[in-house]
């Protein structure tokens, strides 16, 4: 049963990484930034995406997950420098990293509370 759960976790993680990568690298061509993004909602989106990724990565491969999610948290933001319509922002990168650690910590905390 544990292998089935871990397999499902890997499947979800791969799909989530693909969706997150697409969402963060799709070249948007907006003439004006929506007001909700100007108020910092963008940071909430980044943190949320990587929190889910941290949880699913920890479920798939405990503590090895940091080897998967940490390079993505940094790399996806660096890739945005080269994509027209996207912009690099160090605070987005920090939001990615915070989200990743929140995901790992929340998974571990919930696992310890259950047992």
C-alpha atoms as a PDB file:
ATOM      1  CA  UNK A   1       0.000   0.000   0.000  1.00  0.00           C
ATOM      2  CA  UNK A   2       2.865   2.379   0.773  1.00  0.00           C
ATOM      3  CA  UNK A   3       4.324   1.803  -2.709  1.00  0.00           C
ATOM      4  CA  UNK A   4       0.990   2.686  -4.286  1.00  0.00           C
ATOM      5  CA  UNK A   5       0.801   5.923  -2.277  1.00  0.00           C
ATOM      6  CA  UNK A   6       4.370   6.822  -3.138  1.00  0.00           C
ATOM      7  CA  UNK A   7       3.680   6.087  -6.820  1.00  0.00           C
ATOM      8  CA  UNK A   8       0.633   8.332  -6.779  1.00  0.00           C
ATOM      9  CA  UNK A   9       2.637  11.028  -5.038  1.00  0.00           C
ATOM     10  CA  UNK A  10       5.295  10.829  -7.770  1.00  0.00           C
ATOM     11  CA  UNK A  11       2.620  11.022 -10.448  1.00  0.00           C
ATOM     12  CA  UNK A  12       1.034  14.081  -8.845  1.00  0.00           C
ATOM     13  CA  UNK A  13       4.449  15.686  -8.341  1.00  0.00           C
ATOM     14  CA  UNK A  14       5.390  15.274 -12.001  1.00  0.00           C
ATOM     15  CA  UNK A  15       2.080  16.757 -13.155  1.00  0.00           C
ATOM     16  CA  UNK A  16       2.375  19.627 -10.643  1.00  0.00           C
ATOM     17  CA  UNK A  17       5.932  20.405 -11.740  1.00  0.00           C
ATOM     18  CA  UNK A  18       4.786  20.491 -15.372  1.00  0.00           C
ATOM     19  CA  UNK A  19       1.836  22.782 -14.599  1.00  0.00           C
ATOM     20  CA  UNK A  20       3.924  25.076 -12.400  1.00  0.00           C
ATOM     21  CA  UNK A  21       6.687  25.264 -14.989  1.00  0.00           C
ATOM     22  CA  UNK A  22       4.166  26.140 -17.676  1.00  0.00           C
ATOM     23  CA  UNK A  23       2.439  28.745 -15.487  1.00  0.00           C
ATOM     24  CA  UNK A  24       5.703  30.455 -14.580  1.00  0.00           C
ATOM     25  CA  UNK A  25       7.251  30.426 -18.051  1.00  0.00           C
ATOM     26  CA  UNK A  26       4.288  31.109 -20.349  1.00  0.00           C
ATOM     27  CA  UNK A  27       5.008  34.418 -22.105  1.00  0.00           C
ATOM     28  CA  UNK A  28       2.176  36.752 -21.139  1.00  0.00           C
ATOM     29  CA  UNK A  29       1.806  39.890 -23.176  1.00  0.00           C
ATOM     30  CA  UNK A  30      -0.286  42.144 -20.997  1.00  0.00           C
ATOM     31  CA  UNK A  31      -0.236  45.848 -21.698  1.00  0.00           C
ATOM     32  CA  UNK A  32      -0.929  46.634 -18.070  1.00  0.00           C
ATOM     33  CA  UNK A  33      -0.370  44.581 -14.929  1.00  0.00           C
ATOM     34  CA  UNK A  34      -3.675  43.711 -13.212  1.00  0.00           C
ATOM     35  CA  UNK A  35      -4.168  45.640  -9.955  1.00  0.00           C
ATOM     36  CA  UNK A  36      -4.391  42.445  -7.922  1.00  0.00           C
ATOM     37  CA  UNK A  37      -0.850  41.558  -8.987  1.00  0.00           C
ATOM     38  CA  UNK A  38       0.401  45.018  -8.041  1.00  0.00           C
ATOM     39  CA  UNK A  39      -0.758  44.441  -4.465  1.00  0.00           C
ATOM     40  CA  UNK A  40       1.483  41.423  -3.940  1.00  0.00           C
ATOM     41  CA  UNK A  41      -0.923  38.677  -4.936  1.00  0.00           C
ATOM     42  CA  UNK A  42       1.819  37.396  -7.224  1.00  0.00           C
ATOM     43  CA  UNK A  43       3.860  36.430  -4.156  1.00  0.00           C
ATOM     44  CA  UNK A  44       0.896  34.488  -2.760  1.00  0.00           C
ATOM     45  CA  UNK A  45       0.627  32.604  -6.055  1.00  0.00           C
ATOM     46  CA  UNK A  46       4.342  31.738  -6.053  1.00  0.00           C
ATOM     47  CA  UNK A  47       4.256  30.647  -2.411  1.00  0.00           C
ATOM     48  CA  UNK A  48       1.135  28.547  -2.966  1.00  0.00           C
ATOM     49  CA  UNK A  49       2.485  26.799  -6.053  1.00  0.00           C
ATOM     50  CA  UNK A  50       5.666  25.801  -4.265  1.00  0.00           C
ATOM     51  CA  UNK A  51       3.908  24.858  -1.027  1.00  0.00           C
ATOM     52  CA  UNK A  52       1.897  22.272  -2.944  1.00  0.00           C
ATOM     53  CA  UNK A  53       5.070  21.185  -4.713  1.00  0.00           C
ATOM     54  CA  UNK A  54       6.907  20.823  -1.386  1.00  0.00           C
ATOM     55  CA  UNK A  55       4.092  18.741   0.095  1.00  0.00           C
ATOM     56  CA  UNK A  56       3.857  16.432  -2.900  1.00  0.00           C
ATOM     57  CA  UNK A  57       7.637  16.111  -3.216  1.00  0.00           C
ATOM     58  CA  UNK A  58       7.939  15.213   0.456  1.00  0.00           C
ATOM     59  CA  UNK A  59       5.194  12.600   0.032  1.00  0.00           C
ATOM     60  CA  UNK A  60       6.985  11.126  -2.984  1.00  0.00           C
ATOM     61  CA  UNK A  61      10.551  11.073  -1.663  1.00  0.00           C
ATOM     62  CA  UNK A  62      11.066  12.323   1.894  1.00  0.00           C
ATOM     63  CA  UNK A  63      13.982  14.751   2.172  1.00  0.00           C
ATOM     64  CA  UNK A  64      15.245  13.867  -1.295  1.00  0.00           C
ATOM     65  CA  UNK A  65      12.443  16.177  -2.376  1.00  0.00           C
ATOM     66  CA  UNK A  66      14.616  19.190  -1.635  1.00  0.00           C
ATOM     67  CA  UNK A  67      16.951  18.069  -4.422  1.00  0.00           C
ATOM     68  CA  UNK A  68      14.017  18.246  -6.825  1.00  0.00           C
ATOM     69  CA  UNK A  69      12.186  21.329  -5.646  1.00  0.00           C
ATOM     70  CA  UNK A  70      15.043  23.657  -4.648  1.00  0.00           C
ATOM     71  CA  UNK A  71      16.559  23.887  -8.146  1.00  0.00           C
ATOM     72  CA  UNK A  72      13.071  24.452  -9.574  1.00  0.00           C
ATOM     73  CA  UNK A  73      12.325  27.201  -7.066  1.00  0.00           C
ATOM     74  CA  UNK A  74      15.425  29.098  -8.157  1.00  0.00           C
ATOM     75  CA  UNK A  75      15.695  27.967 -11.770  1.00  0.00           C
ATOM     76  CA  UNK A  76      12.180  28.818 -12.908  1.00  0.00           C
ATOM     77  CA  UNK A  77      12.614  32.372 -11.736  1.00  0.00           C
ATOM     78  CA  UNK A  78      16.010  32.672 -13.467  1.00  0.00           C
ATOM     79  CA  UNK A  79      14.524  31.332 -16.708  1.00  0.00           C
ATOM     80  CA  UNK A  80      11.954  34.136 -16.633  1.00  0.00           C
ATOM     81  CA  UNK A  81      14.763  36.627 -17.334  1.00  0.00           C
ATOM     82  CA  UNK A  82      14.973  35.304 -20.870  1.00  0.00           C
ATOM     83  CA  UNK A  83      11.258  35.029 -21.663  1.00  0.00           C
ATOM     84  CA  UNK A  84       9.585  38.021 -23.329  1.00  0.00           C
ATOM     85  CA  UNK A  85       6.597  39.169 -21.316  1.00  0.00           C
ATOM     86  CA  UNK A  86       7.972  37.673 -18.078  1.00  0.00           C
ATOM     87  CA  UNK A  87      10.155  39.388 -15.522  1.00  0.00           C
ATOM     88  CA  UNK A  88      12.726  38.215 -13.019  1.00  0.00           C
ATOM     89  CA  UNK A  89      12.044  39.218  -9.429  1.00  0.00           C
ATOM     90  CA  UNK A  90      14.177  38.202  -6.458  1.00  0.00           C
ATOM     91  CA  UNK A  91      11.142  38.398  -4.176  1.00  0.00           C
ATOM     92  CA  UNK A  92       9.352  35.881  -6.401  1.00  0.00           C
ATOM     93  CA  UNK A  93      12.341  33.572  -5.980  1.00  0.00           C
ATOM     94  CA  UNK A  94      12.184  34.037  -2.214  1.00  0.00           C
ATOM     95  CA  UNK A  95       8.440  33.322  -2.288  1.00  0.00           C
ATOM     96  CA  UNK A  96       9.204  30.096  -4.199  1.00  0.00           C
ATOM     97  CA  UNK A  97      11.768  29.034  -1.610  1.00  0.00           C
ATOM     98  CA  UNK A  98       9.520  29.939   1.330  1.00  0.00           C
ATOM     99  CA  UNK A  99       6.666  27.990  -0.259  1.00  0.00           C
ATOM    100  CA  UNK A 100       8.876  24.970  -0.782  1.00  0.00           C
ATOM    101  CA  UNK A 101       9.957  24.937   2.866  1.00  0.00           C
ATOM    102  CA  UNK A 102       6.381  25.546   4.043  1.00  0.00           C
ATOM    103  CA  UNK A 103       5.290  22.509   2.047  1.00  0.00           C
ATOM    104  CA  UNK A 104       8.008  20.265   3.427  1.00  0.00           C
ATOM    105  CA  UNK A 105       7.411  21.478   6.990  1.00  0.00           C
ATOM    106  CA  UNK A 106       3.630  21.139   6.792  1.00  0.00           C
ATOM    107  CA  UNK A 107       3.914  17.605   5.396  1.00  0.00           C
ATOM    108  CA  UNK A 108       6.297  16.568   8.152  1.00  0.00           C
ATOM    109  CA  UNK A 109       4.190  18.221  10.850  1.00  0.00           C
ATOM    110  CA  UNK A 110       0.999  16.565   9.629  1.00  0.00           C
ATOM    111  CA  UNK A 111       2.729  13.185   9.424  1.00  0.00           C
ATOM    112  CA  UNK A 112       3.972  13.519  12.996  1.00  0.00           C
ATOM    113  CA  UNK A 113       0.566  14.604  14.275  1.00  0.00           C
ATOM    114  CA  UNK A 114      -1.105  11.551  12.717  1.00  0.00           C
ATOM    115  CA  UNK A 115       1.269   9.027  14.284  1.00  0.00           C
END
